[in-house]
Amino acid sequence: VQLVESGGGLAQPGGSLRLSCAASGFSFSSYAMSWARQAPGKEREIVASIRFSFRGDIISYADSVKGRFTISRDSAKHTMYLQMSRLKPEDTAIYYCNVVVPGPVESIYWGQGTQVTVSA
């Protein structure tokens, strides 16, 4: 399993960024994936999740980003995205993607992270 994030950088308050998570080594569309972030001195928190359902992907967001961030994935490209809009300084953090691989022992894999800084 390999996850590689990209798209981070510097944005102004109110601006937008789109993060990408290129995935390989697992059945991309079948497993739950998430975006999480970790700000300096704070615990890592899940901000958006997506998981497979026969009726369509099930998506959830943390209250802090609801209405501003959108998670999506492209199965053909094996890539998950996080569209971030109306960014705030408190969104500054390292952003990580993860995948939960079920099995006899559930395994969670993480990417290396991409830095997002929101500042004027």
C-alpha atoms as a PDB file:
ATOM      1  CA  VAL A   1       0.000   0.000   0.000  1.00  0.00           C
ATOM      2  CA  GLN A   2       1.306   3.416  -0.955  1.00  0.00           C
ATOM      3  CA  LEU A   3      -0.322   6.810  -0.483  1.00  0.00           C
ATOM      4  CA  VAL A   4       1.258  10.008  -1.776  1.00  0.00           C
ATOM      5  CA  GLU A   5      -0.247  13.403  -0.984  1.00  0.00           C
ATOM      6  CA  SER A   6       0.336  16.552  -3.017  1.00  0.00           C
ATOM      7  CA  GLY A   7      -1.170  19.969  -3.562  1.00  0.00           C
ATOM      8  CA  GLY A   8      -0.355  21.641  -0.284  1.00  0.00           C
ATOM      9  CA  GLY A   9       1.092  25.124  -0.059  1.00  0.00           C
ATOM     10  CA  LEU A  10       0.396  28.649   1.048  1.00  0.00           C
ATOM     11  CA  ALA A  11      -3.073  30.141   0.674  1.00  0.00           C
ATOM     12  CA  GLN A  12      -4.633  33.371   1.828  1.00  0.00           C
ATOM     13  CA  PRO A  13      -7.621  33.386   4.162  1.00  0.00           C
ATOM     14  CA  GLY A  14     -10.726  32.867   2.053  1.00  0.00           C
ATOM     15  CA  GLY A  15      -8.725  31.126  -0.636  1.00  0.00           C
ATOM     16  CA  SER A  16      -8.801  27.585  -1.984  1.00  0.00           C
ATOM     17  CA  LEU A  17      -6.507  24.606  -2.415  1.00  0.00           C
ATOM     18  CA  ARG A  18      -7.031  21.108  -3.767  1.00  0.00           C
ATOM     19  CA  LEU A  19      -5.125  18.229  -2.246  1.00  0.00           C
ATOM     20  CA  SER A  20      -4.556  14.946  -4.053  1.00  0.00           C
ATOM     21  CA  CYS A  21      -3.784  11.499  -2.685  1.00  0.00           C
ATOM     22  CA  ALA A  22      -2.411   9.061  -5.250  1.00  0.00           C
ATOM     23  CA  ALA A  23      -3.012   5.485  -4.111  1.00  0.00           C
ATOM     24  CA  SER A  24      -1.627   2.107  -5.117  1.00  0.00           C
ATOM     25  CA  GLY A  25      -1.352  -1.429  -3.806  1.00  0.00           C
ATOM     26  CA  PHE A  26      -4.960  -2.029  -2.806  1.00  0.00           C
ATOM     27  CA  SER A  27      -8.488  -2.217  -4.210  1.00  0.00           C
ATOM     28  CA  PHE A  28      -8.987   1.529  -4.401  1.00  0.00           C
ATOM     29  CA  SER A  29     -12.769   1.798  -4.582  1.00  0.00           C
ATOM     30  CA  SER A  30     -13.524  -0.858  -1.999  1.00  0.00           C
ATOM     31  CA  TYR A  31     -11.999   0.547   1.158  1.00  0.00           C
ATOM     32  CA  ALA A  32     -12.719   3.503   3.379  1.00  0.00           C
ATOM     33  CA  MET A  33     -10.362   6.423   2.954  1.00  0.00           C
ATOM     34  CA  SER A  34      -9.991   9.663   4.872  1.00  0.00           C
ATOM     35  CA  TRP A  35      -8.233  12.982   5.050  1.00  0.00           C
ATOM     36  CA  ALA A  36      -6.810  13.974   8.417  1.00  0.00           C
ATOM     37  CA  ARG A  37      -4.782  16.936   9.618  1.00  0.00           C
ATOM     38  CA  GLN A  38      -2.403  17.690  12.438  1.00  0.00           C
ATOM     39  CA  ALA A  39      -1.595  21.197  13.552  1.00  0.00           C
ATOM     40  CA  PRO A  40       1.461  21.964  15.714  1.00  0.00           C
ATOM     41  CA  GLY A  41       0.860  20.891  19.292  1.00  0.00           C
ATOM     42  CA  LYS A  42      -2.467  19.253  18.479  1.00  0.00           C
ATOM     43  CA  GLU A  43      -3.648  15.710  17.924  1.00  0.00           C
ATOM     44  CA  ARG A  44      -4.331  14.407  14.450  1.00  0.00           C
ATOM     45  CA  GLU A  45      -7.997  14.742  13.524  1.00  0.00           C
ATOM     46  CA  ILE A  46     -10.060  13.235  10.720  1.00  0.00           C
ATOM     47  CA  VAL A  47     -11.642  15.994   8.637  1.00  0.00           C
ATOM     48  CA  ALA A  48     -13.323  14.013   5.832  1.00  0.00           C
ATOM     49  CA  SER A  49     -14.040  10.366   5.067  1.00  0.00           C
ATOM     50  CA  ILE A  50     -15.390   8.430   2.117  1.00  0.00           C
ATOM     51  CA  ARG A  51     -16.383   4.798   1.945  1.00  0.00           C
ATOM     52  CA  PHE A  52     -17.934   2.487  -0.585  1.00  0.00           C
ATOM     53  CA  SER A  53     -21.639   1.705  -0.658  1.00  0.00           C
ATOM     54  CA  PHE A  54     -23.632  -0.008  -3.377  1.00  0.00           C
ATOM     55  CA  ARG A  55     -25.959   2.990  -3.278  1.00  0.00           C
ATOM     56  CA  GLY A  56     -23.087   5.433  -3.727  1.00  0.00           C
ATOM     57  CA  ASP A  57     -20.161   6.579  -1.636  1.00  0.00           C
ATOM     58  CA  ILE A  58     -20.898   7.540   1.962  1.00  0.00           C
ATOM     59  CA  ILE A  59     -19.188  10.796   2.935  1.00  0.00           C
ATOM     60  CA  SER A  60     -18.754  12.512   6.270  1.00  0.00           C
ATOM     61  CA  TYR A  61     -17.045  15.696   7.471  1.00  0.00           C
ATOM     62  CA  ALA A  62     -15.845  17.144  10.715  1.00  0.00           C
ATOM     63  CA  ASP A  63     -17.968  20.067  11.865  1.00  0.00           C
ATOM     64  CA  SER A  64     -14.975  22.383  11.537  1.00  0.00           C
ATOM     65  CA  VAL A  65     -14.805  21.907   7.749  1.00  0.00           C
ATOM     66  CA  LYS A  66     -18.405  21.085   6.821  1.00  0.00           C
ATOM     67  CA  GLY A  67     -19.610  23.297   3.997  1.00  0.00           C
ATOM     68  CA  ARG A  68     -16.065  24.358   3.078  1.00  0.00           C
ATOM     69  CA  PHE A  69     -14.244  21.128   2.203  1.00  0.00           C
ATOM     70  CA  THR A  70     -15.283  18.475  -0.313  1.00  0.00           C
ATOM     71  CA  ILE A  71     -13.868  14.973  -0.472  1.00  0.00           C
ATOM     72  CA  SER A  72     -14.028  12.938  -3.662  1.00  0.00           C
ATOM     73  CA  ARG A  73     -12.216  10.164  -5.464  1.00  0.00           C
ATOM     74  CA  ASP A  74     -11.536   9.125  -9.040  1.00  0.00           C
ATOM     75  CA  SER A  75     -11.383   5.340  -9.323  1.00  0.00           C
ATOM     76  CA  ALA A  76      -9.879   5.451 -12.820  1.00  0.00           C
ATOM     77  CA  LYS A  77      -6.964   7.549 -11.553  1.00  0.00           C
ATOM     78  CA  HIS A  78      -6.732   5.836  -8.146  1.00  0.00           C
ATOM     79  CA  THR A  79      -6.699   9.284  -6.614  1.00  0.00           C
ATOM     80  CA  MET A  80      -8.609  10.881  -3.766  1.00  0.00           C
ATOM     81  CA  TYR A  81      -9.063  14.631  -3.498  1.00  0.00           C
ATOM     82  CA  LEU A  82      -9.830  17.233  -0.885  1.00  0.00           C
ATOM     83  CA  GLN A  83     -11.132  20.498  -2.291  1.00  0.00           C
ATOM     84  CA  MET A  84     -10.678  23.149   0.384  1.00  0.00           C
ATOM     85  CA  SER A  85     -12.474  26.474   0.051  1.00  0.00           C
ATOM     86  CA  ARG A  86     -12.963  29.503   2.275  1.00  0.00           C
ATOM     87  CA  LEU A  87      -9.768  28.609   4.053  1.00  0.00           C
ATOM     88  CA  LYS A  88      -9.097  29.932   7.536  1.00  0.00           C
ATOM     89  CA  PRO A  89      -5.815  30.375   9.416  1.00  0.00           C
ATOM     90  CA  GLU A  90      -6.922  27.567  11.747  1.00  0.00           C
ATOM     91  CA  ASP A  91      -6.883  25.179   8.762  1.00  0.00           C
ATOM     92  CA  THR A  92      -3.088  25.405   8.827  1.00  0.00           C
ATOM     93  CA  ALA A  93      -1.762  21.892   9.396  1.00  0.00           C
ATOM     94  CA  ILE A  94      -0.086  18.931   7.784  1.00  0.00           C
ATOM     95  CA  TYR A  95      -2.741  17.031   5.852  1.00  0.00           C
ATOM     96  CA  TYR A  96      -2.586  13.255   5.525  1.00  0.00           C
ATOM     97  CA  CYS A  97      -4.635  10.700   3.645  1.00  0.00           C
ATOM     98  CA  ASN A  98      -5.259   7.212   4.936  1.00  0.00           C
ATOM     99  CA  VAL A  99      -6.906   3.946   3.939  1.00  0.00           C
ATOM    100  CA  VAL A 100      -8.404   1.290   6.199  1.00  0.00           C
ATOM    101  CA  VAL A 101      -7.693  -2.207   4.896  1.00  0.00           C
ATOM    102  CA  PRO A 102      -9.880  -4.859   6.533  1.00  0.00           C
ATOM    103  CA  GLY A 103      -8.640  -8.332   7.323  1.00  0.00           C
ATOM    104  CA  PRO A 104      -7.958 -10.656  10.257  1.00  0.00           C
ATOM    105  CA  VAL A 105      -6.297  -7.583  11.696  1.00  0.00           C
ATOM    106  CA  GLU A 106      -7.493  -4.220  10.403  1.00  0.00           C
ATOM    107  CA  SER A 107      -4.628  -2.130   9.041  1.00  0.00           C
ATOM    108  CA  ILE A 108      -4.497   1.640   8.573  1.00  0.00           C
ATOM    109  CA  TYR A 109      -1.999   3.097   6.156  1.00  0.00           C
ATOM    110  CA  TRP A 110      -0.942   6.764   6.026  1.00  0.00           C
ATOM    111  CA  GLY A 111       0.752   8.943   3.475  1.00  0.00           C
ATOM    112  CA  GLN A 112       3.685  11.187   4.308  1.00  0.00           C
ATOM    113  CA  GLY A 113       1.572  14.352   4.508  1.00  0.00           C
ATOM    114  CA  THR A 114       1.480  17.712   2.760  1.00  0.00           C
ATOM    115  CA  GLN A 115       1.746  21.082   4.481  1.00  0.00           C
ATOM    116  CA  VAL A 116      -1.099  23.572   4.178  1.00  0.00           C
ATOM    117  CA  THR A 117      -0.501  27.091   5.484  1.00  0.00           C
ATOM    118  CA  VAL A 118      -3.248  29.695   5.510  1.00  0.00           C
ATOM    119  CA  SER A 119      -1.882  33.169   6.121  1.00  0.00           C
ATOM    120  CA  ALA A 120      -2.181  36.692   4.818  1.00  0.00           C
END
